[in-house]
C-alpha atoms as a PDB file:
ATOM      1  CA  UNK A   1       0.000   0.000   0.000  1.00  0.00           C
ATOM      2  CA  UNK A   2       1.367   3.412  -0.978  1.00  0.00           C
ATOM      3  CA  UNK A   3       1.337   6.135   1.692  1.00  0.00           C
ATOM      4  CA  UNK A   4       1.685   9.821   0.815  1.00  0.00           C
ATOM      5  CA  UNK A   5       2.659  12.195   3.614  1.00  0.00           C
ATOM      6  CA  UNK A   6       1.734  15.872   3.291  1.00  0.00           C
ATOM      7  CA  UNK A   7       2.143  18.818   5.650  1.00  0.00           C
ATOM      8  CA  UNK A   8      -0.766  21.279   5.772  1.00  0.00           C
ATOM      9  CA  UNK A   9       0.431  24.712   6.832  1.00  0.00           C
ATOM     10  CA  UNK A  10      -1.446  27.977   7.272  1.00  0.00           C
ATOM     11  CA  UNK A  11      -0.216  31.545   7.029  1.00  0.00           C
ATOM     12  CA  UNK A  12       1.720  33.111   9.869  1.00  0.00           C
ATOM     13  CA  UNK A  13       0.948  36.383  11.584  1.00  0.00           C
ATOM     14  CA  UNK A  14       2.696  39.515  10.352  1.00  0.00           C
ATOM     15  CA  UNK A  15       5.290  41.293  12.468  1.00  0.00           C
ATOM     16  CA  UNK A  16       4.245  44.586  14.057  1.00  0.00           C
ATOM     17  CA  UNK A  17       5.821  46.482  11.148  1.00  0.00           C
ATOM     18  CA  UNK A  18       3.713  44.542   8.626  1.00  0.00           C
ATOM     19  CA  UNK A  19       6.550  42.336   7.345  1.00  0.00           C
ATOM     20  CA  UNK A  20       6.600  38.541   7.159  1.00  0.00           C
ATOM     21  CA  UNK A  21       9.120  36.032   8.425  1.00  0.00           C
ATOM     22  CA  UNK A  22      11.263  35.641   5.300  1.00  0.00           C
ATOM     23  CA  UNK A  23      13.278  32.819   6.891  1.00  0.00           C
ATOM     24  CA  UNK A  24      10.111  30.744   7.364  1.00  0.00           C
ATOM     25  CA  UNK A  25       8.903  31.513   3.835  1.00  0.00           C
ATOM     26  CA  UNK A  26      12.196  30.511   2.239  1.00  0.00           C
ATOM     27  CA  UNK A  27      12.312  27.333   4.334  1.00  0.00           C
ATOM     28  CA  UNK A  28       8.817  26.334   3.215  1.00  0.00           C
ATOM     29  CA  UNK A  29       9.663  27.039  -0.414  1.00  0.00           C
ATOM     30  CA  UNK A  30      12.829  24.951  -0.164  1.00  0.00           C
ATOM     31  CA  UNK A  31      10.919  22.056   1.432  1.00  0.00           C
ATOM     32  CA  UNK A  32       8.159  22.265  -1.179  1.00  0.00           C
ATOM     33  CA  UNK A  33      10.614  22.338  -4.076  1.00  0.00           C
ATOM     34  CA  UNK A  34      12.648  19.430  -2.738  1.00  0.00           C
ATOM     35  CA  UNK A  35       9.911  17.081  -1.492  1.00  0.00           C
ATOM     36  CA  UNK A  36       6.657  18.482  -2.948  1.00  0.00           C
ATOM     37  CA  UNK A  37       4.903  17.754   0.354  1.00  0.00           C
ATOM     38  CA  UNK A  38       3.538  21.170   1.405  1.00  0.00           C
ATOM     39  CA  UNK A  39      -0.114  22.203   1.193  1.00  0.00           C
ATOM     40  CA  UNK A  40      -0.602  25.820   2.276  1.00  0.00           C
ATOM     41  CA  UNK A  41      -3.969  27.306   3.176  1.00  0.00           C
ATOM     42  CA  UNK A  42      -5.092  30.909   3.529  1.00  0.00           C
ATOM     43  CA  UNK A  43      -5.765  30.864   7.276  1.00  0.00           C
ATOM     44  CA  UNK A  44      -3.632  32.039  10.163  1.00  0.00           C
ATOM     45  CA  UNK A  45      -1.978  28.903  11.549  1.00  0.00           C
ATOM     46  CA  UNK A  46      -3.377  28.919  15.086  1.00  0.00           C
ATOM     47  CA  UNK A  47      -5.029  26.473  17.478  1.00  0.00           C
ATOM     48  CA  UNK A  48      -8.305  28.344  17.126  1.00  0.00           C
ATOM     49  CA  UNK A  49      -8.340  27.709  13.390  1.00  0.00           C
ATOM     50  CA  UNK A  50      -7.702  23.953  13.539  1.00  0.00           C
ATOM     51  CA  UNK A  51     -11.286  23.101  12.562  1.00  0.00           C
ATOM     52  CA  UNK A  52     -10.970  25.213   9.395  1.00  0.00           C
ATOM     53  CA  UNK A  53      -7.597  23.643   8.725  1.00  0.00           C
ATOM     54  CA  UNK A  54      -8.911  20.090   9.141  1.00  0.00           C
ATOM     55  CA  UNK A  55     -11.962  20.625   6.924  1.00  0.00           C
ATOM     56  CA  UNK A  56      -9.751  22.227   4.270  1.00  0.00           C
ATOM     57  CA  UNK A  57      -7.296  19.325   4.510  1.00  0.00           C
ATOM     58  CA  UNK A  58      -9.882  16.640   3.897  1.00  0.00           C
ATOM     59  CA  UNK A  59     -11.447  18.772   1.172  1.00  0.00           C
ATOM     60  CA  UNK A  60      -8.033  18.983  -0.518  1.00  0.00           C
ATOM     61  CA  UNK A  61      -7.664  15.209  -0.181  1.00  0.00           C
ATOM     62  CA  UNK A  62     -11.026  14.640  -1.863  1.00  0.00           C
ATOM     63  CA  UNK A  63     -10.031  16.888  -4.754  1.00  0.00           C
ATOM     64  CA  UNK A  64      -6.462  15.731  -5.349  1.00  0.00           C
ATOM     65  CA  UNK A  65      -6.342  12.240  -3.798  1.00  0.00           C
ATOM     66  CA  UNK A  66      -9.722  10.888  -4.864  1.00  0.00           C
ATOM     67  CA  UNK A  67      -8.297   7.425  -5.521  1.00  0.00           C
ATOM     68  CA  UNK A  68      -7.097   7.084  -1.910  1.00  0.00           C
ATOM     69  CA  UNK A  69      -9.035   4.612   0.223  1.00  0.00           C
ATOM     70  CA  UNK A  70      -8.367   6.355   3.537  1.00  0.00           C
ATOM     71  CA  UNK A  71      -7.198   9.686   4.894  1.00  0.00           C
ATOM     72  CA  UNK A  72      -5.313  10.062   8.167  1.00  0.00           C
ATOM     73  CA  UNK A  73      -5.219  13.351  10.041  1.00  0.00           C
ATOM     74  CA  UNK A  74      -2.445  13.688  12.607  1.00  0.00           C
ATOM     75  CA  UNK A  75      -0.505  16.401  14.420  1.00  0.00           C
ATOM     76  CA  UNK A  76       3.025  17.545  13.715  1.00  0.00           C
ATOM     77  CA  UNK A  77       4.443  16.213  17.008  1.00  0.00           C
ATOM     78  CA  UNK A  78       3.343  12.640  16.388  1.00  0.00           C
ATOM     79  CA  UNK A  79       5.116   9.359  15.800  1.00  0.00           C
ATOM     80  CA  UNK A  80       3.039   7.418  13.238  1.00  0.00           C
ATOM     81  CA  UNK A  81       3.819   3.753  12.642  1.00  0.00           C
ATOM     82  CA  UNK A  82       3.749   3.531   8.845  1.00  0.00           C
ATOM     83  CA  UNK A  83       4.849  -0.103   9.071  1.00  0.00           C
ATOM     84  CA  UNK A  84       1.551  -1.155  10.673  1.00  0.00           C
ATOM     85  CA  UNK A  85      -0.855   1.255   8.956  1.00  0.00           C
ATOM     86  CA  UNK A  86      -1.260  -0.965   5.850  1.00  0.00           C
ATOM     87  CA  UNK A  87      -2.261  -3.932   8.046  1.00  0.00           C
ATOM     88  CA  UNK A  88      -4.648  -1.801  10.090  1.00  0.00           C
ATOM     89  CA  UNK A  89      -6.454  -0.202   7.147  1.00  0.00           C
ATOM     90  CA  UNK A  90      -6.723  -3.534   5.344  1.00  0.00           C
ATOM     91  CA  UNK A  91      -8.591  -5.008   8.307  1.00  0.00           C
ATOM     92  CA  UNK A  92     -10.694  -1.934   9.049  1.00  0.00           C
ATOM     93  CA  UNK A  93     -14.200  -1.465   7.612  1.00  0.00           C
ATOM     94  CA  UNK A  94     -14.145   0.182   4.195  1.00  0.00           C
ATOM     95  CA  UNK A  95     -17.462   1.993   4.559  1.00  0.00           C
ATOM     96  CA  UNK A  96     -18.262   4.656   7.189  1.00  0.00           C
ATOM     97  CA  UNK A  97     -15.532   3.879   9.746  1.00  0.00           C
ATOM     98  CA  UNK A  98     -14.527   6.023  11.486  1.00  0.00           C
ATOM     99  CA  UNK A  99     -10.946  30.016  30.108  1.00  0.00           C
ATOM    100  CA  UNK A 100      -7.154  30.004  30.097  1.00  0.00           C
ATOM    101  CA  UNK A 101      -6.859  26.617  28.658  1.00  0.00           C
ATOM    102  CA  UNK A 102      -6.807  26.294  24.872  1.00  0.00           C
ATOM    103  CA  UNK A 103      -9.287  23.425  25.339  1.00  0.00           C
ATOM    104  CA  UNK A 104     -11.778  25.574  27.278  1.00  0.00           C
ATOM    105  CA  UNK A 105     -15.269  25.639  25.771  1.00  0.00           C
ATOM    106  CA  UNK A 106     -17.997  27.859  27.196  1.00  0.00           C
ATOM    107  CA  UNK A 107     -21.650  26.841  27.400  1.00  0.00           C
ATOM    108  CA  UNK A 108     -22.325  29.696  24.985  1.00  0.00           C
ATOM    109  CA  UNK A 109     -20.075  28.061  22.401  1.00  0.00           C
ATOM    110  CA  UNK A 110     -21.262  24.504  23.119  1.00  0.00           C
ATOM    111  CA  UNK A 111     -24.666  24.078  24.740  1.00  0.00           C
ATOM    112  CA  UNK A 112     -24.674  20.307  25.332  1.00  0.00           C
ATOM    113  CA  UNK A 113     -23.585  18.704  28.612  1.00  0.00           C
ATOM    114  CA  UNK A 114     -20.938  16.432  27.085  1.00  0.00           C
ATOM    115  CA  UNK A 115     -19.011  15.886  23.897  1.00  0.00           C
ATOM    116  CA  UNK A 116     -20.104  13.166  21.484  1.00  0.00           C
ATOM    117  CA  UNK A 117     -17.964  10.011  21.050  1.00  0.00           C
ATOM    118  CA  UNK A 118     -14.775  11.201  19.404  1.00  0.00           C
ATOM    119  CA  UNK A 119     -11.265  10.283  18.344  1.00  0.00           C
ATOM    120  CA  UNK A 120      -8.377  12.401  19.605  1.00  0.00           C
ATOM    121  CA  UNK A 121      -7.221  14.979  17.091  1.00  0.00           C
ATOM    122  CA  UNK A 122      -3.686  13.710  17.612  1.00  0.00           C
ATOM    123  CA  UNK A 123      -4.411  11.030  15.017  1.00  0.00           C
ATOM    124  CA  UNK A 124      -7.369   9.298  13.380  1.00  0.00           C
ATOM    125  CA  UNK A 125      -8.149   7.537  10.103  1.00  0.00           C
ATOM    126  CA  UNK A 126     -11.309   7.977   8.053  1.00  0.00           C
ATOM    127  CA  UNK A 127     -12.391   6.222   4.881  1.00  0.00           C
ATOM    128  CA  UNK A 128     -12.740   8.377   1.774  1.00  0.00           C
ATOM    129  CA  UNK A 129     -16.503   7.899   1.478  1.00  0.00           C
ATOM    130  CA  UNK A 130     -16.838   9.178   5.039  1.00  0.00           C
ATOM    131  CA  UNK A 131     -14.644  12.178   4.187  1.00  0.00           C
ATOM    132  CA  UNK A 132     -17.101  13.178   1.472  1.00  0.00           C
ATOM    133  CA  UNK A 133     -20.049  12.907   3.849  1.00  0.00           C
ATOM    134  CA  UNK A 134     -18.249  14.899   6.553  1.00  0.00           C
ATOM    135  CA  UNK A 135     -17.640  17.721   4.080  1.00  0.00           C
ATOM    136  CA  UNK A 136     -21.310  17.806   3.154  1.00  0.00           C
ATOM    137  CA  UNK A 137     -22.427  17.645   6.785  1.00  0.00           C
ATOM    138  CA  UNK A 138     -19.953  20.273   8.024  1.00  0.00           C
ATOM    139  CA  UNK A 139     -21.942  22.974   6.214  1.00  0.00           C
ATOM    140  CA  UNK A 140     -24.685  22.545   8.801  1.00  0.00           C
ATOM    141  CA  UNK A 141     -22.539  22.200  11.936  1.00  0.00           C
ATOM    142  CA  UNK A 142     -21.779  25.399  13.897  1.00  0.00           C
ATOM    143  CA  UNK A 143     -18.071  26.187  14.078  1.00  0.00           C
ATOM    144  CA  UNK A 144     -16.134  24.972  17.121  1.00  0.00           C
ATOM    145  CA  UNK A 145     -12.416  25.592  17.534  1.00  0.00           C
ATOM    146  CA  UNK A 146     -11.751  22.077  18.908  1.00  0.00           C
ATOM    147  CA  UNK A 147     -11.343  20.251  15.606  1.00  0.00           C
ATOM    148  CA  UNK A 148     -11.672  16.717  16.955  1.00  0.00           C
ATOM    149  CA  UNK A 149     -14.921  17.650  18.710  1.00  0.00           C
ATOM    150  CA  UNK A 150     -16.107  19.429  15.558  1.00  0.00           C
ATOM    151  CA  UNK A 151     -15.502  16.309  13.447  1.00  0.00           C
ATOM    152  CA  UNK A 152     -17.218  14.239  16.149  1.00  0.00           C
ATOM    153  CA  UNK A 153     -20.276  16.501  15.924  1.00  0.00           C
ATOM    154  CA  UNK A 154     -20.359  15.895  12.174  1.00  0.00           C
ATOM    155  CA  UNK A 155     -20.217  12.142  12.799  1.00  0.00           C
ATOM    156  CA  UNK A 156     -22.986  12.354  15.370  1.00  0.00           C
ATOM    157  CA  UNK A 157     -25.158  14.173  12.845  1.00  0.00           C
ATOM    158  CA  UNK A 158     -24.400  11.361  10.408  1.00  0.00           C
ATOM    159  CA  UNK A 159     -25.188   8.742  13.092  1.00  0.00           C
ATOM    160  CA  UNK A 160     -21.694   7.317  12.830  1.00  0.00           C
ATOM    161  CA  UNK A 161     -19.861   6.139  15.944  1.00  0.00           C
ATOM    162  CA  UNK A 162     -16.046   6.057  15.816  1.00  0.00           C
ATOM    163  CA  UNK A 163     -14.166   2.841  16.493  1.00  0.00           C
ATOM    164  CA  UNK A 164     -11.465   3.059  19.150  1.00  0.00           C
ATOM    165  CA  UNK A 165      -8.341   1.025  18.427  1.00  0.00           C
ATOM    166  CA  UNK A 166      -5.497  -0.133  20.611  1.00  0.00           C
ATOM    167  CA  UNK A 167      -2.207   1.424  19.542  1.00  0.00           C
ATOM    168  CA  UNK A 168      -3.523   4.965  19.028  1.00  0.00           C
ATOM    169  CA  UNK A 169      -2.187   7.126  21.873  1.00  0.00           C
ATOM    170  CA  UNK A 170      -2.864  10.764  22.661  1.00  0.00           C
ATOM    171  CA  UNK A 171      -0.115  10.469  25.272  1.00  0.00           C
ATOM    172  CA  UNK A 172       3.505   9.371  24.905  1.00  0.00           C
ATOM    173  CA  UNK A 173       4.244   5.743  25.845  1.00  0.00           C
ATOM    174  CA  UNK A 174       7.794   5.072  26.995  1.00  0.00           C
ATOM    175  CA  UNK A 175       9.982   4.327  23.999  1.00  0.00           C
ATOM    176  CA  UNK A 176      10.932   0.758  23.261  1.00  0.00           C
ATOM    177  CA  UNK A 177      11.974   0.074  19.641  1.00  0.00           C
ATOM    178  CA  UNK A 178      10.301  -3.341  19.468  1.00  0.00           C
ATOM    179  CA  UNK A 179       7.052  -2.015  20.943  1.00  0.00           C
ATOM    180  CA  UNK A 180       7.030   1.068  18.724  1.00  0.00           C
ATOM    181  CA  UNK A 181       7.486  -1.187  15.702  1.00  0.00           C
ATOM    182  CA  UNK A 182       4.815  -3.748  16.600  1.00  0.00           C
ATOM    183  CA  UNK A 183       2.313  -2.251  19.056  1.00  0.00           C
ATOM    184  CA  UNK A 184       2.263   1.533  18.836  1.00  0.00           C
ATOM    185  CA  UNK A 185       0.339   3.174  15.988  1.00  0.00           C
ATOM    186  CA  UNK A 186       0.654   6.778  17.180  1.00  0.00           C
ATOM    187  CA  UNK A 187       2.540   8.481  20.004  1.00  0.00           C
ATOM    188  CA  UNK A 188       2.036  12.110  20.974  1.00  0.00           C
ATOM    189  CA  UNK A 189       4.383  14.967  21.888  1.00  0.00           C
ATOM    190  CA  UNK A 190       7.422  13.515  20.122  1.00  0.00           C
ATOM    191  CA  UNK A 191      10.106  16.091  19.354  1.00  0.00           C
ATOM    192  CA  UNK A 192      11.799  16.172  15.898  1.00  0.00           C
ATOM    193  CA  UNK A 193      15.120  14.931  17.297  1.00  0.00           C
ATOM    194  CA  UNK A 194      13.320  12.132  19.107  1.00  0.00           C
ATOM    195  CA  UNK A 195      11.619  11.071  15.868  1.00  0.00           C
ATOM    196  CA  UNK A 196      15.026  10.725  14.223  1.00  0.00           C
ATOM    197  CA  UNK A 197      16.251   8.594  17.122  1.00  0.00           C
ATOM    198  CA  UNK A 198      13.112   6.460  17.160  1.00  0.00           C
ATOM    199  CA  UNK A 199      13.143   5.690  13.440  1.00  0.00           C
ATOM    200  CA  UNK A 200      16.851   4.938  13.372  1.00  0.00           C
ATOM    201  CA  UNK A 201      16.423   2.438  16.213  1.00  0.00           C
ATOM    202  CA  UNK A 202      13.276   0.664  15.003  1.00  0.00           C
ATOM    203  CA  UNK A 203      14.667   0.065  11.498  1.00  0.00           C
ATOM    204  CA  UNK A 204      16.666  -2.906  12.755  1.00  0.00           C
ATOM    205  CA  UNK A 205      13.566  -4.572  14.229  1.00  0.00           C
ATOM    206  CA  UNK A 206      11.251  -6.655  12.089  1.00  0.00           C
ATOM    207  CA  UNK A 207       7.461  -6.564  12.208  1.00  0.00           C
ATOM    208  CA  UNK A 208       6.668  -9.608  14.339  1.00  0.00           C
ATOM    209  CA  UNK A 209       2.983  -8.940  14.941  1.00  0.00           C
ATOM    210  CA  UNK A 210       0.492 -10.984  12.916  1.00  0.00           C
ATOM    211  CA  UNK A 211      -1.035  -8.582  10.335  1.00  0.00           C
ATOM    212  CA  UNK A 212      -4.576  -9.721  11.130  1.00  0.00           C
ATOM    213  CA  UNK A 213      -4.034  -8.760  14.772  1.00  0.00           C
ATOM    214  CA  UNK A 214      -3.044  -5.140  14.139  1.00  0.00           C
ATOM    215  CA  UNK A 215      -6.675  -3.989  13.995  1.00  0.00           C
ATOM    216  CA  UNK A 216      -7.660  -4.210  17.685  1.00  0.00           C
ATOM    217  CA  UNK A 217     -10.875  -2.435  18.733  1.00  0.00           C
ATOM    218  CA  UNK A 218     -11.099  -1.456  22.373  1.00  0.00           C
ATOM    219  CA  UNK A 219     -14.192  -0.742  24.503  1.00  0.00           C
ATOM    220  CA  UNK A 220     -15.623   2.745  24.444  1.00  0.00           C
ATOM    221  CA  UNK A 221     -14.867   4.659  27.626  1.00  0.00           C
ATOM    222  CA  UNK A 222     -17.958   6.290  29.025  1.00  0.00           C
ATOM    223  CA  UNK A 223     -17.599   9.253  31.357  1.00  0.00           C
ATOM    224  CA  UNK A 224     -20.585   9.874  33.624  1.00  0.00           C
END
């Protein structure tokens, strides 16, 4: 299975004198020219705009990657096990799967008592047919800056419940090269230098897990 990795990047705020960060711009241009892996959108790249960024990303995928079977959204500080992803997606359903704090949501912005079942925005996979339906449904869902909750609200409207899988982590499990090769699908808050170390160490380990056992649903946690 072929996997294409792309980085979706928004605009950055201007300096007080109205100028832009030329170093950042030249770095992005160099990366784009060398690897052709940059998708830039016309939004300020901020946490508050993540819902816009996510909807744009899947919209871009529908337009330019229409032959793809699945789309994975993940954060920049994530370890993603590309060795196991082919096994996982092969086993997964192909139709309709899946105040000071930046996470603060007021009752004015969200009037329900609890969030709907959701997958952490740190990393989730959705089938392409579901992407199309999310885009259509999102037109009728009020904006919410928490993108994973926003996508979950779209799914709730569609009467789709996400499937929770073992191996997806919104925290950072202790690093063990064998485990990260065979058990961990995603790991959060991994620094760029750590990613280099991780990948260099896991290369020497073979995939020992049985492919059919990679897709491991886990019970839904219910918070009362």
